[in-house]
């Protein structure tokens, strides 16, 4: 699962372990910690995501629920204050918009 938040981007997967934890991966320093304070983040330069942490499933569910309950913006892109993050997210938005357009063109 990819989660784009206005101050963090994380990828959350079930990759091994005993099913009580999930692997939270991040590409930018501090993103995992912003969402999961206290997580023991490892820097993994040989992997596709530079940062990784094992987090209990219960904590993942609670922290994401907190984020959802805290939404107070009417426009997500406008809520992203970090310029580089905003630009990256707009790139993803553009790709997804093009995908939508292609899908709609295919049914016409």
C-alpha atoms as a PDB file:
ATOM      1  CA  UNK A   1       0.000   0.000   0.000  1.00  0.00           C
ATOM      2  CA  UNK A   2       1.344   3.387  -0.906  1.00  0.00           C
ATOM      3  CA  UNK A   3       0.254   6.250   1.318  1.00  0.00           C
ATOM      4  CA  UNK A   4       0.796   9.818   0.193  1.00  0.00           C
ATOM      5  CA  UNK A   5       0.376  12.247   3.094  1.00  0.00           C
ATOM      6  CA  UNK A   6       1.056  15.949   3.005  1.00  0.00           C
ATOM      7  CA  UNK A   7       4.239  15.472   5.057  1.00  0.00           C
ATOM      8  CA  UNK A   8       5.208  11.852   4.362  1.00  0.00           C
ATOM      9  CA  UNK A   9       5.139   9.080   1.783  1.00  0.00           C
ATOM     10  CA  UNK A  10       5.357   5.447   2.904  1.00  0.00           C
ATOM     11  CA  UNK A  11       4.935   2.040   1.377  1.00  0.00           C
ATOM     12  CA  UNK A  12       3.493  -0.613   3.705  1.00  0.00           C
ATOM     13  CA  UNK A  13       3.805  -4.317   2.905  1.00  0.00           C
ATOM     14  CA  UNK A  14       3.711  -7.713   4.581  1.00  0.00           C
ATOM     15  CA  UNK A  15       7.180  -8.973   3.832  1.00  0.00           C
ATOM     16  CA  UNK A  16       8.059 -11.902   6.031  1.00  0.00           C
ATOM     17  CA  UNK A  17       7.947 -11.750   9.770  1.00  0.00           C
ATOM     18  CA  UNK A  18       5.380 -13.378  11.996  1.00  0.00           C
ATOM     19  CA  UNK A  19       2.338 -11.485  10.610  1.00  0.00           C
ATOM     20  CA  UNK A  20       2.185  -9.330  13.759  1.00  0.00           C
ATOM     21  CA  UNK A  21       4.216  -6.606  12.026  1.00  0.00           C
ATOM     22  CA  UNK A  22       4.292  -4.851   8.682  1.00  0.00           C
ATOM     23  CA  UNK A  23       7.290  -3.492   6.836  1.00  0.00           C
ATOM     24  CA  UNK A  24       7.040   0.280   6.447  1.00  0.00           C
ATOM     25  CA  UNK A  25       9.326   1.674   3.777  1.00  0.00           C
ATOM     26  CA  UNK A  26      10.198   5.253   2.956  1.00  0.00           C
ATOM     27  CA  UNK A  27      12.209   7.127   0.359  1.00  0.00           C
ATOM     28  CA  UNK A  28      12.816  10.348   2.289  1.00  0.00           C
ATOM     29  CA  UNK A  29      14.551  10.762   5.654  1.00  0.00           C
ATOM     30  CA  UNK A  30      12.067  11.362   8.454  1.00  0.00           C
ATOM     31  CA  UNK A  31       8.908  10.248   6.661  1.00  0.00           C
ATOM     32  CA  UNK A  32       8.534   6.983   8.579  1.00  0.00           C
ATOM     33  CA  UNK A  33       9.210   8.695  11.903  1.00  0.00           C
ATOM     34  CA  UNK A  34       6.624  11.412  11.200  1.00  0.00           C
ATOM     35  CA  UNK A  35       3.922   8.774  10.829  1.00  0.00           C
ATOM     36  CA  UNK A  36       5.292   6.200  13.276  1.00  0.00           C
ATOM     37  CA  UNK A  37       7.127   8.029  16.083  1.00  0.00           C
ATOM     38  CA  UNK A  38       9.506   5.719  17.881  1.00  0.00           C
ATOM     39  CA  UNK A  39       9.907   3.336  14.931  1.00  0.00           C
ATOM     40  CA  UNK A  40      13.393   1.835  14.680  1.00  0.00           C
ATOM     41  CA  UNK A  41      14.226   2.973  11.147  1.00  0.00           C
ATOM     42  CA  UNK A  42      17.080   1.333   9.259  1.00  0.00           C
ATOM     43  CA  UNK A  43      18.897   2.985   6.368  1.00  0.00           C
ATOM     44  CA  UNK A  44      19.105   0.398   3.571  1.00  0.00           C
ATOM     45  CA  UNK A  45      21.109   1.875   0.672  1.00  0.00           C
ATOM     46  CA  UNK A  46      21.226  -1.402  -1.276  1.00  0.00           C
ATOM     47  CA  UNK A  47      17.417  -1.694  -1.350  1.00  0.00           C
ATOM     48  CA  UNK A  48      14.793   0.056  -3.483  1.00  0.00           C
ATOM     49  CA  UNK A  49      13.496   2.060  -0.495  1.00  0.00           C
ATOM     50  CA  UNK A  50      16.280   3.804   1.419  1.00  0.00           C
ATOM     51  CA  UNK A  51      14.511   3.559   4.792  1.00  0.00           C
ATOM     52  CA  UNK A  52      12.687   0.633   6.436  1.00  0.00           C
ATOM     53  CA  UNK A  53      11.086  -0.189   9.777  1.00  0.00           C
ATOM     54  CA  UNK A  54       9.044  -3.049  11.207  1.00  0.00           C
ATOM     55  CA  UNK A  55       5.882  -1.722  12.863  1.00  0.00           C
ATOM     56  CA  UNK A  56       3.123  -3.683  14.566  1.00  0.00           C
ATOM     57  CA  UNK A  57      -0.045  -4.049  12.532  1.00  0.00           C
ATOM     58  CA  UNK A  58      -2.012  -2.504  15.398  1.00  0.00           C
ATOM     59  CA  UNK A  59       0.187   0.606  15.424  1.00  0.00           C
ATOM     60  CA  UNK A  60       0.017   0.925  11.643  1.00  0.00           C
ATOM     61  CA  UNK A  61      -3.792   0.790  11.785  1.00  0.00           C
ATOM     62  CA  UNK A  62      -3.996   3.315  14.641  1.00  0.00           C
ATOM     63  CA  UNK A  63      -1.527   5.820  13.178  1.00  0.00           C
ATOM     64  CA  UNK A  64      -3.192   5.756   9.762  1.00  0.00           C
ATOM     65  CA  UNK A  65      -6.626   6.121  11.386  1.00  0.00           C
ATOM     66  CA  UNK A  66      -5.298   9.151  13.315  1.00  0.00           C
ATOM     67  CA  UNK A  67      -4.122  10.681  10.067  1.00  0.00           C
ATOM     68  CA  UNK A  68      -7.536  10.136   8.482  1.00  0.00           C
ATOM     69  CA  UNK A  69      -9.349  11.650  11.446  1.00  0.00           C
ATOM     70  CA  UNK A  70      -7.039  14.672  11.289  1.00  0.00           C
ATOM     71  CA  UNK A  71      -7.743  15.679   7.690  1.00  0.00           C
ATOM     72  CA  UNK A  72      -8.720  19.361   7.633  1.00  0.00           C
ATOM     73  CA  UNK A  73      -7.807  20.423   4.107  1.00  0.00           C
ATOM     74  CA  UNK A  74     -10.198  20.822   1.145  1.00  0.00           C
ATOM     75  CA  UNK A  75      -7.423  20.174  -1.409  1.00  0.00           C
ATOM     76  CA  UNK A  76      -4.653  17.645  -0.790  1.00  0.00           C
ATOM     77  CA  UNK A  77      -2.069  19.016  -3.231  1.00  0.00           C
ATOM     78  CA  UNK A  78      -2.425  22.510  -1.781  1.00  0.00           C
ATOM     79  CA  UNK A  79      -1.791  21.137   1.724  1.00  0.00           C
ATOM     80  CA  UNK A  80       1.698  19.872   0.779  1.00  0.00           C
ATOM     81  CA  UNK A  81       4.068  22.610   1.941  1.00  0.00           C
ATOM     82  CA  UNK A  82       7.437  21.062   1.010  1.00  0.00           C
ATOM     83  CA  UNK A  83       8.133  22.169  -2.589  1.00  0.00           C
ATOM     84  CA  UNK A  84      10.033  19.046  -3.709  1.00  0.00           C
ATOM     85  CA  UNK A  85       7.393  16.749  -2.192  1.00  0.00           C
ATOM     86  CA  UNK A  86       4.591  18.775  -3.786  1.00  0.00           C
ATOM     87  CA  UNK A  87       6.253  18.565  -7.193  1.00  0.00           C
ATOM     88  CA  UNK A  88       6.763  14.801  -6.871  1.00  0.00           C
ATOM     89  CA  UNK A  89       3.125  14.314  -5.859  1.00  0.00           C
ATOM     90  CA  UNK A  90       1.904  16.454  -8.759  1.00  0.00           C
ATOM     91  CA  UNK A  91       3.894  14.156 -11.049  1.00  0.00           C
ATOM     92  CA  UNK A  92       2.066  11.141  -9.630  1.00  0.00           C
ATOM     93  CA  UNK A  93      -1.249  13.015  -9.909  1.00  0.00           C
ATOM     94  CA  UNK A  94      -0.482  13.725 -13.577  1.00  0.00           C
ATOM     95  CA  UNK A  95       0.331  10.094 -14.339  1.00  0.00           C
ATOM     96  CA  UNK A  96      -2.871   8.902 -12.671  1.00  0.00           C
ATOM     97  CA  UNK A  97      -4.889  11.551 -14.509  1.00  0.00           C
ATOM     98  CA  UNK A  98      -3.443  10.384 -17.827  1.00  0.00           C
ATOM     99  CA  UNK A  99      -4.292   6.778 -16.924  1.00  0.00           C
ATOM    100  CA  UNK A 100      -7.885   7.869 -16.199  1.00  0.00           C
ATOM    101  CA  UNK A 101      -8.078   9.682 -19.536  1.00  0.00           C
ATOM    102  CA  UNK A 102      -6.797   6.624 -21.426  1.00  0.00           C
ATOM    103  CA  UNK A 103      -9.313   4.390 -19.640  1.00  0.00           C
ATOM    104  CA  UNK A 104     -12.157   6.751 -20.501  1.00  0.00           C
ATOM    105  CA  UNK A 105     -11.053   6.986 -24.122  1.00  0.00           C
ATOM    106  CA  UNK A 106     -11.063   3.183 -24.351  1.00  0.00           C
ATOM    107  CA  UNK A 107     -14.752   2.972 -23.406  1.00  0.00           C
ATOM    108  CA  UNK A 108     -15.898   5.684 -25.797  1.00  0.00           C
END
